[in-house]
Amino acid sequence: MNNHIKSALTGLLSSEALSDLYISPFNIVEYGSKVELAFRASYINAFAQDLRIAMYVACVAFICALCAWQKNPPTVAERSAALEVAVREYQESKRERESSRPQLENGGGEV
């Protein structure tokens, strides 16, 4: 937003007046109607650009949502059953790894 205001009002206001304007936009009435109209136009352009970017992001999010949409998603019961099976398989593979690991006798291998 500040870049739009700076580019629109650079020739009309001094750098001190621009810095005062960044702090409080209500000071614009002190500089006359020509500056006020330029400020208003730059503010409208900046807002329009922000909304355009927000629209593009919303369109991308909508397309991503369409790609992630499932026609027949699994029910809660099916998800719970699949989770139980996955947990059981993980625990079995963990036990197998622990049992296949060579055991150190009397802690002699520690550094």
PDB file of N, CA and C in Angstrom:
ATOM      1  N   MET A   1       0.829  -1.179   0.000  1.00  0.00           N
ATOM      2  CA  MET A   1       0.000   0.000   0.000  1.00  0.00           C
ATOM      3  C   MET A   1       0.877   1.248   0.000  1.00  0.00           C
ATOM      4  N   ASN A   2       1.913   1.252   0.832  1.00  0.00           N
ATOM      5  CA  ASN A   2       2.785   2.425   0.902  1.00  0.00           C
ATOM      6  C   ASN A   2       3.481   2.699  -0.424  1.00  0.00           C
ATOM      7  N   ASN A   3       3.799   1.633  -1.178  1.00  0.00           N
ATOM      8  CA  ASN A   3       4.430   1.839  -2.486  1.00  0.00           C
ATOM      9  C   ASN A   3       3.490   2.546  -3.449  1.00  0.00           C
ATOM     10  N   HIS A   4       2.211   2.185  -3.417  1.00  0.00           N
ATOM     11  CA  HIS A   4       1.230   2.857  -4.279  1.00  0.00           C
ATOM     12  C   HIS A   4       1.107   4.337  -3.899  1.00  0.00           C
ATOM     13  N   ILE A   5       1.010   4.589  -2.609  1.00  0.00           N
ATOM     14  CA  ILE A   5       0.880   5.975  -2.150  1.00  0.00           C
ATOM     15  C   ILE A   5       2.130   6.767  -2.494  1.00  0.00           C
ATOM     16  N   LYS A   6       3.296   6.152  -2.286  1.00  0.00           N
ATOM     17  CA  LYS A   6       4.553   6.847  -2.579  1.00  0.00           C
ATOM     18  C   LYS A   6       4.663   7.171  -4.063  1.00  0.00           C
ATOM     19  N   SER A   7       4.316   6.223  -4.923  1.00  0.00           N
ATOM     20  CA  SER A   7       4.430   6.482  -6.365  1.00  0.00           C
ATOM     21  C   SER A   7       3.405   7.508  -6.840  1.00  0.00           C
ATOM     22  N   ALA A   8       2.226   7.532  -6.238  1.00  0.00           N
ATOM     23  CA  ALA A   8       1.189   8.472  -6.674  1.00  0.00           C
ATOM     24  C   ALA A   8       1.422   9.886  -6.161  1.00  0.00           C
ATOM     25  N   LEU A   9       2.033  10.031  -4.998  1.00  0.00           N
ATOM     26  CA  LEU A   9       2.161  11.346  -4.380  1.00  0.00           C
ATOM     27  C   LEU A   9       3.592  11.883  -4.334  1.00  0.00           C
ATOM     28  N   THR A  10       4.524  11.237  -4.989  1.00  0.00           N
ATOM     29  CA  THR A  10       5.918  11.668  -4.927  1.00  0.00           C
ATOM     30  C   THR A  10       6.098  13.080  -5.464  1.00  0.00           C
ATOM     31  N   GLY A  11       5.496  13.415  -6.549  1.00  0.00           N
ATOM     32  CA  GLY A  11       5.648  14.754  -7.103  1.00  0.00           C
ATOM     33  C   GLY A  11       4.798  15.803  -6.405  1.00  0.00           C
ATOM     34  N   LEU A  12       3.790  15.376  -5.680  1.00  0.00           N
ATOM     35  CA  LEU A  12       2.861  16.313  -5.058  1.00  0.00           C
ATOM     36  C   LEU A  12       3.241  16.688  -3.630  1.00  0.00           C
ATOM     37  N   LEU A  13       3.903  15.777  -2.908  1.00  0.00           N
ATOM     38  CA  LEU A  13       4.238  16.022  -1.506  1.00  0.00           C
ATOM     39  C   LEU A  13       5.728  15.843  -1.265  1.00  0.00           C
ATOM     40  N   SER A  14       6.231  16.489  -0.237  1.00  0.00           N
ATOM     41  CA  SER A  14       7.623  16.308   0.151  1.00  0.00           C
ATOM     42  C   SER A  14       7.773  14.989   0.901  1.00  0.00           C
ATOM     43  N   SER A  15       9.014  14.589   1.145  1.00  0.00           N
ATOM     44  CA  SER A  15       9.246  13.325   1.839  1.00  0.00           C
ATOM     45  C   SER A  15       8.766  13.384   3.290  1.00  0.00           C
ATOM     46  N   GLU A  16       8.881  14.571   3.922  1.00  0.00           N
ATOM     47  CA  GLU A  16       8.374  14.698   5.295  1.00  0.00           C
ATOM     48  C   GLU A  16       6.858  14.567   5.336  1.00  0.00           C
ATOM     49  N   ALA A  17       6.178  15.162   4.359  1.00  0.00           N
ATOM     50  CA  ALA A  17       4.723  15.069   4.303  1.00  0.00           C
ATOM     51  C   ALA A  17       4.284  13.626   4.041  1.00  0.00           C
ATOM     52  N   LEU A  18       5.032  12.905   3.194  1.00  0.00           N
ATOM     53  CA  LEU A  18       4.716  11.495   2.949  1.00  0.00           C
ATOM     54  C   LEU A  18       4.896  10.664   4.212  1.00  0.00           C
ATOM     55  N   SER A  19       5.973  10.913   4.965  1.00  0.00           N
ATOM     56  CA  SER A  19       6.180  10.144   6.194  1.00  0.00           C
ATOM     57  C   SER A  19       5.087  10.462   7.214  1.00  0.00           C
ATOM     58  N   ASP A  20       4.642  11.723   7.272  1.00  0.00           N
ATOM     59  CA  ASP A  20       3.520  12.059   8.154  1.00  0.00           C
ATOM     60  C   ASP A  20       2.240  11.363   7.696  1.00  0.00           C
ATOM     61  N   LEU A  21       2.084  11.238   6.394  1.00  0.00           N
ATOM     62  CA  LEU A  21       0.904  10.591   5.849  1.00  0.00           C
ATOM     63  C   LEU A  21       0.897   9.094   6.155  1.00  0.00           C
ATOM     64  N   TYR A  22       2.079   8.466   6.178  1.00  0.00           N
ATOM     65  CA  TYR A  22       2.165   7.044   6.534  1.00  0.00           C
ATOM     66  C   TYR A  22       1.755   6.828   7.980  1.00  0.00           C
ATOM     67  N   ILE A  23       2.072   7.770   8.835  1.00  0.00           N
ATOM     68  CA  ILE A  23       1.737   7.644  10.257  1.00  0.00           C
ATOM     69  C   ILE A  23       0.238   7.824  10.470  1.00  0.00           C
ATOM     70  N   SER A  24      -0.329   8.879   9.875  1.00  0.00           N
ATOM     71  CA  SER A  24      -1.760   9.137  10.036  1.00  0.00           C
ATOM     72  C   SER A  24      -2.349   9.616   8.716  1.00  0.00           C
ATOM     73  N   PRO A  25      -3.135   8.781   8.050  1.00  0.00           N
ATOM     74  CA  PRO A  25      -3.725   9.168   6.771  1.00  0.00           C
ATOM     75  C   PRO A  25      -4.743  10.300   6.890  1.00  0.00           C
ATOM     76  N   PHE A  26      -5.168  10.611   8.108  1.00  0.00           N
ATOM     77  CA  PHE A  26      -6.137  11.694   8.288  1.00  0.00           C
ATOM     78  C   PHE A  26      -5.521  13.066   8.024  1.00  0.00           C
ATOM     79  N   ASN A  27      -4.196  13.127   7.954  1.00  0.00           N
ATOM     80  CA  ASN A  27      -3.509  14.393   7.666  1.00  0.00           C
ATOM     81  C   ASN A  27      -3.653  14.821   6.212  1.00  0.00           C
ATOM     82  N   ILE A  28      -4.247  14.001   5.376  1.00  0.00           N
ATOM     83  CA  ILE A  28      -4.355  14.298   3.950  1.00  0.00           C
ATOM     84  C   ILE A  28      -5.194  15.544   3.694  1.00  0.00           C
ATOM     85  N   VAL A  29      -6.114  15.882   4.568  1.00  0.00           N
ATOM     86  CA  VAL A  29      -6.981  17.042   4.340  1.00  0.00           C
ATOM     87  C   VAL A  29      -6.199  18.356   4.427  1.00  0.00           C
ATOM     88  N   GLU A  30      -5.016  18.335   5.015  1.00  0.00           N
ATOM     89  CA  GLU A  30      -4.203  19.541   5.145  1.00  0.00           C
ATOM     90  C   GLU A  30      -3.532  19.946   3.834  1.00  0.00           C
ATOM     91  N   TYR A  31      -3.456  19.036   2.855  1.00  0.00           N
ATOM     92  CA  TYR A  31      -2.671  19.295   1.654  1.00  0.00           C
ATOM     93  C   TYR A  31      -3.491  19.686   0.440  1.00  0.00           C
ATOM     94  N   GLY A  32      -4.777  19.785   0.563  1.00  0.00           N
ATOM     95  CA  GLY A  32      -5.595  20.251  -0.555  1.00  0.00           C
ATOM     96  C   GLY A  32      -6.323  19.125  -1.261  1.00  0.00           C
ATOM     97  N   SER A  33      -7.237  19.528  -2.127  1.00  0.00           N
ATOM     98  CA  SER A  33      -8.107  18.552  -2.788  1.00  0.00           C
ATOM     99  C   SER A  33      -7.375  17.749  -3.863  1.00  0.00           C
ATOM    100  N   LYS A  34      -6.394  18.363  -4.546  1.00  0.00           N
ATOM    101  CA  LYS A  34      -5.661  17.644  -5.591  1.00  0.00           C
ATOM    102  C   LYS A  34      -4.891  16.480  -4.985  1.00  0.00           C
ATOM    103  N   VAL A  35      -4.216  16.719  -3.875  1.00  0.00           N
ATOM    104  CA  VAL A  35      -3.469  15.659  -3.194  1.00  0.00           C
ATOM    105  C   VAL A  35      -4.433  14.631  -2.613  1.00  0.00           C
ATOM    106  N   GLU A  36      -5.549  15.118  -2.101  1.00  0.00           N
ATOM    107  CA  GLU A  36      -6.538  14.211  -1.521  1.00  0.00           C
ATOM    108  C   GLU A  36      -7.102  13.261  -2.577  1.00  0.00           C
ATOM    109  N   LEU A  37      -7.369  13.779  -3.773  1.00  0.00           N
ATOM    110  CA  LEU A  37      -7.880  12.926  -4.854  1.00  0.00           C
ATOM    111  C   LEU A  37      -6.825  11.926  -5.325  1.00  0.00           C
ATOM    112  N   ALA A  38      -5.568  12.369  -5.393  1.00  0.00           N
ATOM    113  CA  ALA A  38      -4.488  11.450  -5.778  1.00  0.00           C
ATOM    114  C   ALA A  38      -4.316  10.359  -4.724  1.00  0.00           C
ATOM    115  N   PHE A  39      -4.412  10.746  -3.452  1.00  0.00           N
ATOM    116  CA  PHE A  39      -4.315   9.768  -2.370  1.00  0.00           C
ATOM    117  C   PHE A  39      -5.459   8.766  -2.454  1.00  0.00           C
ATOM    118  N   ARG A  40      -6.648   9.267  -2.684  1.00  0.00           N
ATOM    119  CA  ARG A  40      -7.821   8.391  -2.788  1.00  0.00           C
ATOM    120  C   ARG A  40      -7.666   7.417  -3.952  1.00  0.00           C
ATOM    121  N   ALA A  41      -7.198   7.906  -5.098  1.00  0.00           N
ATOM    122  CA  ALA A  41      -7.012   7.026  -6.258  1.00  0.00           C
ATOM    123  C   ALA A  41      -5.953   5.961  -5.986  1.00  0.00           C
ATOM    124  N   SER A  42      -4.845   6.355  -5.340  1.00  0.00           N
ATOM    125  CA  SER A  42      -3.803   5.366  -5.045  1.00  0.00           C
ATOM    126  C   SER A  42      -4.293   4.346  -4.025  1.00  0.00           C
ATOM    127  N   TYR A  43      -5.078   4.784  -3.051  1.00  0.00           N
ATOM    128  CA  TYR A  43      -5.629   3.871  -2.051  1.00  0.00           C
ATOM    129  C   TYR A  43      -6.594   2.886  -2.708  1.00  0.00           C
ATOM    130  N   ILE A  44      -7.432   3.374  -3.633  1.00  0.00           N
ATOM    131  CA  ILE A  44      -8.376   2.509  -4.347  1.00  0.00           C
ATOM    132  C   ILE A  44      -7.621   1.502  -5.197  1.00  0.00           C
ATOM    133  N   ASN A  45      -6.569   1.931  -5.883  1.00  0.00           N
ATOM    134  CA  ASN A  45      -5.777   1.010  -6.707  1.00  0.00           C
ATOM    135  C   ASN A  45      -5.093  -0.056  -5.860  1.00  0.00           C
ATOM    136  N   ALA A  46      -4.554   0.335  -4.714  1.00  0.00           N
ATOM    137  CA  ALA A  46      -3.888  -0.627  -3.836  1.00  0.00           C
ATOM    138  C   ALA A  46      -4.898  -1.641  -3.296  1.00  0.00           C
ATOM    139  N   PHE A  47      -6.065  -1.165  -2.900  1.00  0.00           N
ATOM    140  CA  PHE A  47      -7.099  -2.058  -2.394  1.00  0.00           C
ATOM    141  C   PHE A  47      -7.564  -3.014  -3.488  1.00  0.00           C
ATOM    142  N   ALA A  48      -7.738  -2.516  -4.701  1.00  0.00           N
ATOM    143  CA  ALA A  48      -8.154  -3.366  -5.819  1.00  0.00           C
ATOM    144  C   ALA A  48      -7.111  -4.442  -6.104  1.00  0.00           C
ATOM    145  N   GLN A  49      -5.836  -4.069  -6.027  1.00  0.00           N
ATOM    146  CA  GLN A  49      -4.777  -5.055  -6.255  1.00  0.00           C
ATOM    147  C   GLN A  49      -4.779  -6.111  -5.151  1.00  0.00           C
ATOM    148  N   ASP A  50      -4.971  -5.716  -3.900  1.00  0.00           N
ATOM    149  CA  ASP A  50      -5.052  -6.676  -2.802  1.00  0.00           C
ATOM    150  C   ASP A  50      -6.218  -7.634  -2.995  1.00  0.00           C
ATOM    151  N   LEU A  51      -7.357  -7.111  -3.406  1.00  0.00           N
ATOM    152  CA  LEU A  51      -8.514  -7.972  -3.636  1.00  0.00           C
ATOM    153  C   LEU A  51      -8.292  -8.907  -4.826  1.00  0.00           C
ATOM    154  N   ARG A  52      -7.607  -8.433  -5.844  1.00  0.00           N
ATOM    155  CA  ARG A  52      -7.306  -9.277  -6.994  1.00  0.00           C
ATOM    156  C   ARG A  52      -6.419 -10.447  -6.571  1.00  0.00           C
ATOM    157  N   ILE A  53      -5.412 -10.171  -5.756  1.00  0.00           N
ATOM    158  CA  ILE A  53      -4.533 -11.233  -5.255  1.00  0.00           C
ATOM    159  C   ILE A  53      -5.327 -12.206  -4.395  1.00  0.00           C
ATOM    160  N   ALA A  54      -6.210 -11.691  -3.543  1.00  0.00           N
ATOM    161  CA  ALA A  54      -7.042 -12.562  -2.707  1.00  0.00           C
ATOM    162  C   ALA A  54      -7.951 -13.435  -3.568  1.00  0.00           C
ATOM    163  N   MET A  55      -8.449 -12.891  -4.666  1.00  0.00           N
ATOM    164  CA  MET A  55      -9.298 -13.670  -5.561  1.00  0.00           C
ATOM    165  C   MET A  55      -8.500 -14.801  -6.207  1.00  0.00           C
ATOM    166  N   TYR A  56      -7.272 -14.515  -6.637  1.00  0.00           N
ATOM    167  CA  TYR A  56      -6.432 -15.555  -7.234  1.00  0.00           C
ATOM    168  C   TYR A  56      -6.131 -16.661  -6.229  1.00  0.00           C
ATOM    169  N   VAL A  57      -5.840 -16.279  -4.998  1.00  0.00           N
ATOM    170  CA  VAL A  57      -5.566 -17.280  -3.960  1.00  0.00           C
ATOM    171  C   VAL A  57      -6.815 -18.120  -3.702  1.00  0.00           C
ATOM    172  N   ALA A  58      -7.977 -17.485  -3.669  1.00  0.00           N
ATOM    173  CA  ALA A  58      -9.227 -18.220  -3.454  1.00  0.00           C
ATOM    174  C   ALA A  58      -9.500 -19.179  -4.606  1.00  0.00           C
ATOM    175  N   CYS A  59      -9.210 -18.774  -5.834  1.00  0.00           N
ATOM    176  CA  CYS A  59      -9.412 -19.656  -6.990  1.00  0.00           C
ATOM    177  C   CYS A  59      -8.491 -20.868  -6.910  1.00  0.00           C
ATOM    178  N   VAL A  60      -7.249 -20.653  -6.538  1.00  0.00           N
ATOM    179  CA  VAL A  60      -6.302 -21.761  -6.398  1.00  0.00           C
ATOM    180  C   VAL A  60      -6.755 -22.694  -5.279  1.00  0.00           C
ATOM    181  N   ALA A  61      -7.227 -22.140  -4.171  1.00  0.00           N
ATOM    182  CA  ALA A  61      -7.710 -22.961  -3.064  1.00  0.00           C
ATOM    183  C   ALA A  61      -8.938 -23.774  -3.490  1.00  0.00           C
ATOM    184  N   PHE A  62      -9.814 -23.176  -4.287  1.00  0.00           N
ATOM    185  CA  PHE A  62     -10.987 -23.893  -4.781  1.00  0.00           C
ATOM    186  C   PHE A  62     -10.587 -25.048  -5.683  1.00  0.00           C
ATOM    187  N   ILE A  63      -9.626 -24.815  -6.561  1.00  0.00           N
ATOM    188  CA  ILE A  63      -9.148 -25.881  -7.453  1.00  0.00           C
ATOM    189  C   ILE A  63      -8.489 -26.992  -6.645  1.00  0.00           C
ATOM    190  N   CYS A  64      -7.716 -26.637  -5.625  1.00  0.00           N
ATOM    191  CA  CYS A  64      -7.101 -27.649  -4.757  1.00  0.00           C
ATOM    192  C   CYS A  64      -8.169 -28.443  -4.015  1.00  0.00           C
ATOM    193  N   ALA A  65      -9.227 -27.770  -3.588  1.00  0.00           N
ATOM    194  CA  ALA A  65     -10.318 -28.465  -2.902  1.00  0.00           C
ATOM    195  C   ALA A  65     -11.020 -29.437  -3.848  1.00  0.00           C
ATOM    196  N   LEU A  66     -11.182 -29.044  -5.106  1.00  0.00           N
ATOM    197  CA  LEU A  66     -11.792 -29.954  -6.080  1.00  0.00           C
ATOM    198  C   LEU A  66     -10.915 -31.175  -6.323  1.00  0.00           C
ATOM    199  N   CYS A  67      -9.602 -30.962  -6.335  1.00  0.00           N
ATOM    200  CA  CYS A  67      -8.688 -32.090  -6.546  1.00  0.00           C
ATOM    201  C   CYS A  67      -8.676 -33.030  -5.347  1.00  0.00           C
ATOM    202  N   ALA A  68      -8.904 -32.511  -4.155  1.00  0.00           N
ATOM    203  CA  ALA A  68      -8.884 -33.330  -2.945  1.00  0.00           C
ATOM    204  C   ALA A  68     -10.244 -33.949  -2.626  1.00  0.00           C
ATOM    205  N   TRP A  69     -11.269 -33.574  -3.342  1.00  0.00           N
ATOM    206  CA  TRP A  69     -12.619 -34.049  -3.070  1.00  0.00           C
ATOM    207  C   TRP A  69     -12.740 -35.526  -3.415  1.00  0.00           C
ATOM    208  N   GLN A  70     -13.424 -36.281  -2.561  1.00  0.00           N
ATOM    209  CA  GLN A  70     -13.650 -37.701  -2.801  1.00  0.00           C
ATOM    210  C   GLN A  70     -15.140 -37.937  -3.028  1.00  0.00           C
ATOM    211  N   LYS A  71     -15.440 -38.736  -4.027  1.00  0.00           N
ATOM    212  CA  LYS A  71     -16.841 -38.986  -4.345  1.00  0.00           C
ATOM    213  C   LYS A  71     -17.485 -39.890  -3.298  1.00  0.00           C
ATOM    214  N   ASN A  72     -16.794 -40.933  -2.892  1.00  0.00           N
ATOM    215  CA  ASN A  72     -17.302 -41.865  -1.888  1.00  0.00           C
ATOM    216  C   ASN A  72     -16.262 -41.997  -0.777  1.00  0.00           C
ATOM    217  N   PRO A  73     -16.194 -41.059   0.131  1.00  0.00           N
ATOM    218  CA  PRO A  73     -15.179 -41.136   1.185  1.00  0.00           C
ATOM    219  C   PRO A  73     -15.492 -42.271   2.159  1.00  0.00           C
ATOM    220  N   PRO A  74     -14.464 -42.834   2.805  1.00  0.00           N
ATOM    221  CA  PRO A  74     -14.711 -43.918   3.764  1.00  0.00           C
ATOM    222  C   PRO A  74     -15.465 -43.397   4.990  1.00  0.00           C
ATOM    223  N   THR A  75     -16.246 -44.266   5.569  1.00  0.00           N
ATOM    224  CA  THR A  75     -16.999 -43.889   6.765  1.00  0.00           C
ATOM    225  C   THR A  75     -16.066 -43.852   7.968  1.00  0.00           C
ATOM    226  N   VAL A  76     -16.575 -43.360   9.079  1.00  0.00           N
ATOM    227  CA  VAL A  76     -15.780 -43.272  10.300  1.00  0.00           C
ATOM    228  C   VAL A  76     -15.393 -44.667  10.785  1.00  0.00           C
ATOM    229  N   ALA A  77     -16.318 -45.609  10.675  1.00  0.00           N
ATOM    230  CA  ALA A  77     -16.032 -46.979  11.106  1.00  0.00           C
ATOM    231  C   ALA A  77     -14.930 -47.597  10.243  1.00  0.00           C
ATOM    232  N   GLU A  78     -14.978 -47.373   8.933  1.00  0.00           N
ATOM    233  CA  GLU A  78     -13.934 -47.899   8.046  1.00  0.00           C
ATOM    234  C   GLU A  78     -12.585 -47.270   8.361  1.00  0.00           C
ATOM    235  N   ARG A  79     -12.568 -45.963   8.628  1.00  0.00           N
ATOM    236  CA  ARG A  79     -11.317 -45.295   8.980  1.00  0.00           C
ATOM    237  C   ARG A  79     -10.754 -45.832  10.286  1.00  0.00           C
ATOM    238  N   SER A  80     -11.638 -46.053  11.277  1.00  0.00           N
ATOM    239  CA  SER A  80     -11.189 -46.593  12.566  1.00  0.00           C
ATOM    240  C   SER A  80     -10.607 -47.985  12.395  1.00  0.00           C
ATOM    241  N   ALA A  81     -11.260 -48.814  11.591  1.00  0.00           N
ATOM    242  CA  ALA A  81     -10.757 -50.169  11.353  1.00  0.00           C
ATOM    243  C   ALA A  81      -9.405 -50.128  10.646  1.00  0.00           C
ATOM    244  N   ALA A  82      -9.259 -49.252   9.658  1.00  0.00           N
ATOM    245  CA  ALA A  82      -7.986 -49.135   8.944  1.00  0.00           C
ATOM    246  C   ALA A  82      -6.888 -48.628   9.875  1.00  0.00           C
ATOM    247  N   LEU A  83      -7.228 -47.731  10.775  1.00  0.00           N
ATOM    248  CA  LEU A  83      -6.248 -47.221  11.731  1.00  0.00           C
ATOM    249  C   LEU A  83      -5.818 -48.305  12.699  1.00  0.00           C
ATOM    250  N   GLU A  84      -6.756 -49.125  13.173  1.00  0.00           N
ATOM    251  CA  GLU A  84      -6.410 -50.224  14.067  1.00  0.00           C
ATOM    252  C   GLU A  84      -5.488 -51.217  13.395  1.00  0.00           C
ATOM    253  N   VAL A  85      -5.760 -51.538  12.134  1.00  0.00           N
ATOM    254  CA  VAL A  85      -4.905 -52.462  11.389  1.00  0.00           C
ATOM    255  C   VAL A  85      -3.510 -51.867  11.224  1.00  0.00           C
ATOM    256  N   ALA A  86      -3.428 -50.583  10.902  1.00  0.00           N
ATOM    257  CA  ALA A  86      -2.129 -49.944  10.713  1.00  0.00           C
ATOM    258  C   ALA A  86      -1.333 -49.912  12.014  1.00  0.00           C
ATOM    259  N   VAL A  87      -1.995 -49.639  13.135  1.00  0.00           N
ATOM    260  CA  VAL A  87      -1.312 -49.614  14.434  1.00  0.00           C
ATOM    261  C   VAL A  87      -0.828 -51.001  14.788  1.00  0.00           C
ATOM    262  N   ARG A  88      -1.653 -52.010  14.565  1.00  0.00           N
ATOM    263  CA  ARG A  88      -1.267 -53.385  14.856  1.00  0.00           C
ATOM    264  C   ARG A  88      -0.060 -53.796  14.018  1.00  0.00           C
ATOM    265  N   GLU A  89      -0.066 -53.472  12.721  1.00  0.00           N
ATOM    266  CA  GLU A  89       1.065 -53.814  11.850  1.00  0.00           C
ATOM    267  C   GLU A  89       2.332 -53.094  12.277  1.00  0.00           C
ATOM    268  N   TYR A  90       2.190 -51.853  12.683  1.00  0.00           N
ATOM    269  CA  TYR A  90       3.366 -51.099  13.141  1.00  0.00           C
ATOM    270  C   TYR A  90       3.949 -51.719  14.402  1.00  0.00           C
ATOM    271  N   GLN A  91       3.087 -52.087  15.350  1.00  0.00           N
ATOM    272  CA  GLN A  91       3.576 -52.682  16.587  1.00  0.00           C
ATOM    273  C   GLN A  91       4.242 -54.021  16.328  1.00  0.00           C
ATOM    274  N   GLU A  92       3.688 -54.836  15.414  1.00  0.00           N
ATOM    275  CA  GLU A  92       4.304 -56.123  15.070  1.00  0.00           C
ATOM    276  C   GLU A  92       5.660 -55.923  14.405  1.00  0.00           C
ATOM    277  N   SER A  93       5.763 -54.960  13.494  1.00  0.00           N
ATOM    278  CA  SER A  93       7.054 -54.726  12.836  1.00  0.00           C
ATOM    279  C   SER A  93       8.075 -54.181  13.832  1.00  0.00           C
ATOM    280  N   LYS A  94       7.611 -53.403  14.803  1.00  0.00           N
ATOM    281  CA  LYS A  94       8.514 -52.874  15.821  1.00  0.00           C
ATOM    282  C   LYS A  94       9.044 -54.006  16.700  1.00  0.00           C
ATOM    283  N   ARG A  95       8.152 -54.937  17.076  1.00  0.00           N
ATOM    284  CA  ARG A  95       8.589 -56.097  17.874  1.00  0.00           C
ATOM    285  C   ARG A  95       9.581 -56.946  17.102  1.00  0.00           C
ATOM    286  N   GLU A  96       9.335 -57.154  15.799  1.00  0.00           N
ATOM    287  CA  GLU A  96      10.247 -57.949  14.978  1.00  0.00           C
ATOM    288  C   GLU A  96      11.620 -57.298  14.887  1.00  0.00           C
ATOM    289  N   ARG A  97      11.648 -55.973  14.742  1.00  0.00           N
ATOM    290  CA  ARG A  97      12.941 -55.279  14.675  1.00  0.00           C
ATOM    291  C   ARG A  97      13.688 -55.386  15.991  1.00  0.00           C
ATOM    292  N   GLU A  98      12.971 -55.264  17.093  1.00  0.00           N
ATOM    293  CA  GLU A  98      13.618 -55.350  18.403  1.00  0.00           C
ATOM    294  C   GLU A  98      14.123 -56.757  18.679  1.00  0.00           C
ATOM    295  N   SER A  99      13.394 -57.771  18.241  1.00  0.00           N
ATOM    296  CA  SER A  99      13.823 -59.146  18.484  1.00  0.00           C
ATOM    297  C   SER A  99      14.978 -59.535  17.570  1.00  0.00           C
ATOM    298  N   SER A 100      15.077 -58.942  16.381  1.00  0.00           N
ATOM    299  CA  SER A 100      16.172 -59.277  15.469  1.00  0.00           C
ATOM    300  C   SER A 100      17.443 -58.494  15.772  1.00  0.00           C
ATOM    301  N   ARG A 101      17.366 -57.484  16.590  1.00  0.00           N
ATOM    302  CA  ARG A 101      18.533 -56.687  16.968  1.00  0.00           C
ATOM    303  C   ARG A 101      19.384 -57.509  17.939  1.00  0.00           C
ATOM    304  N   PRO A 102      20.713 -57.578  17.722  1.00  0.00           N
ATOM    305  CA  PRO A 102      21.556 -58.350  18.648  1.00  0.00           C
ATOM    306  C   PRO A 102      21.583 -57.696  20.025  1.00  0.00           C
ATOM    307  N   GLN A 103      21.493 -58.531  21.041  1.00  0.00           N
ATOM    308  CA  GLN A 103      21.484 -58.054  22.429  1.00  0.00           C
ATOM    309  C   GLN A 103      22.927 -57.912  22.922  1.00  0.00           C
ATOM    310  N   LEU A 104      23.203 -56.835  23.615  1.00  0.00           N
ATOM    311  CA  LEU A 104      24.526 -56.604  24.198  1.00  0.00           C
ATOM    312  C   LEU A 104      24.563 -57.292  25.559  1.00  0.00           C
ATOM    313  N   GLU A 105      25.638 -58.003  25.824  1.00  0.00           N
ATOM    314  CA  GLU A 105      25.759 -58.715  27.090  1.00  0.00           C
ATOM    315  C   GLU A 105      26.352 -57.817  28.150  1.00  0.00           C
ATOM    316  N   ASN A 106      25.683 -57.684  29.261  1.00  0.00           N
ATOM    317  CA  ASN A 106      26.126 -56.940  30.449  1.00  0.00           C
ATOM    318  C   ASN A 106      26.453 -55.485  30.137  1.00  0.00           C
ATOM    319  N   GLY A 107      25.894 -54.927  29.109  1.00  0.00           N
ATOM    320  CA  GLY A 107      26.128 -53.506  28.790  1.00  0.00           C
ATOM    321  C   GLY A 107      27.559 -53.237  28.389  1.00  0.00           C
ATOM    322  N   GLY A 108      28.292 -54.217  27.870  1.00  0.00           N
ATOM    323  CA  GLY A 108      29.706 -54.053  27.545  1.00  0.00           C
ATOM    324  C   GLY A 108      29.968 -53.248  26.301  1.00  0.00           C
ATOM    325  N   GLY A 109      28.964 -52.961  25.497  1.00  0.00           N
ATOM    326  CA  GLY A 109      29.206 -52.253  24.245  1.00  0.00           C
ATOM    327  C   GLY A 109      29.030 -50.773  24.340  1.00  0.00           C
ATOM    328  N   GLU A 110      28.771 -50.242  25.527  1.00  0.00           N
ATOM    329  CA  GLU A 110      28.545 -48.802  25.647  1.00  0.00           C
ATOM    330  C   GLU A 110      29.863 -48.049  25.637  1.00  0.00           C
ATOM    331  N   VAL A 111      29.827 -46.836  25.114  1.00  0.00           N
ATOM    332  CA  VAL A 111      31.030 -46.010  25.039  1.00  0.00           C
ATOM    333  C   VAL A 111      31.033 -45.016  26.167  1.00  0.00           C
TER     334      VAL A 111
END
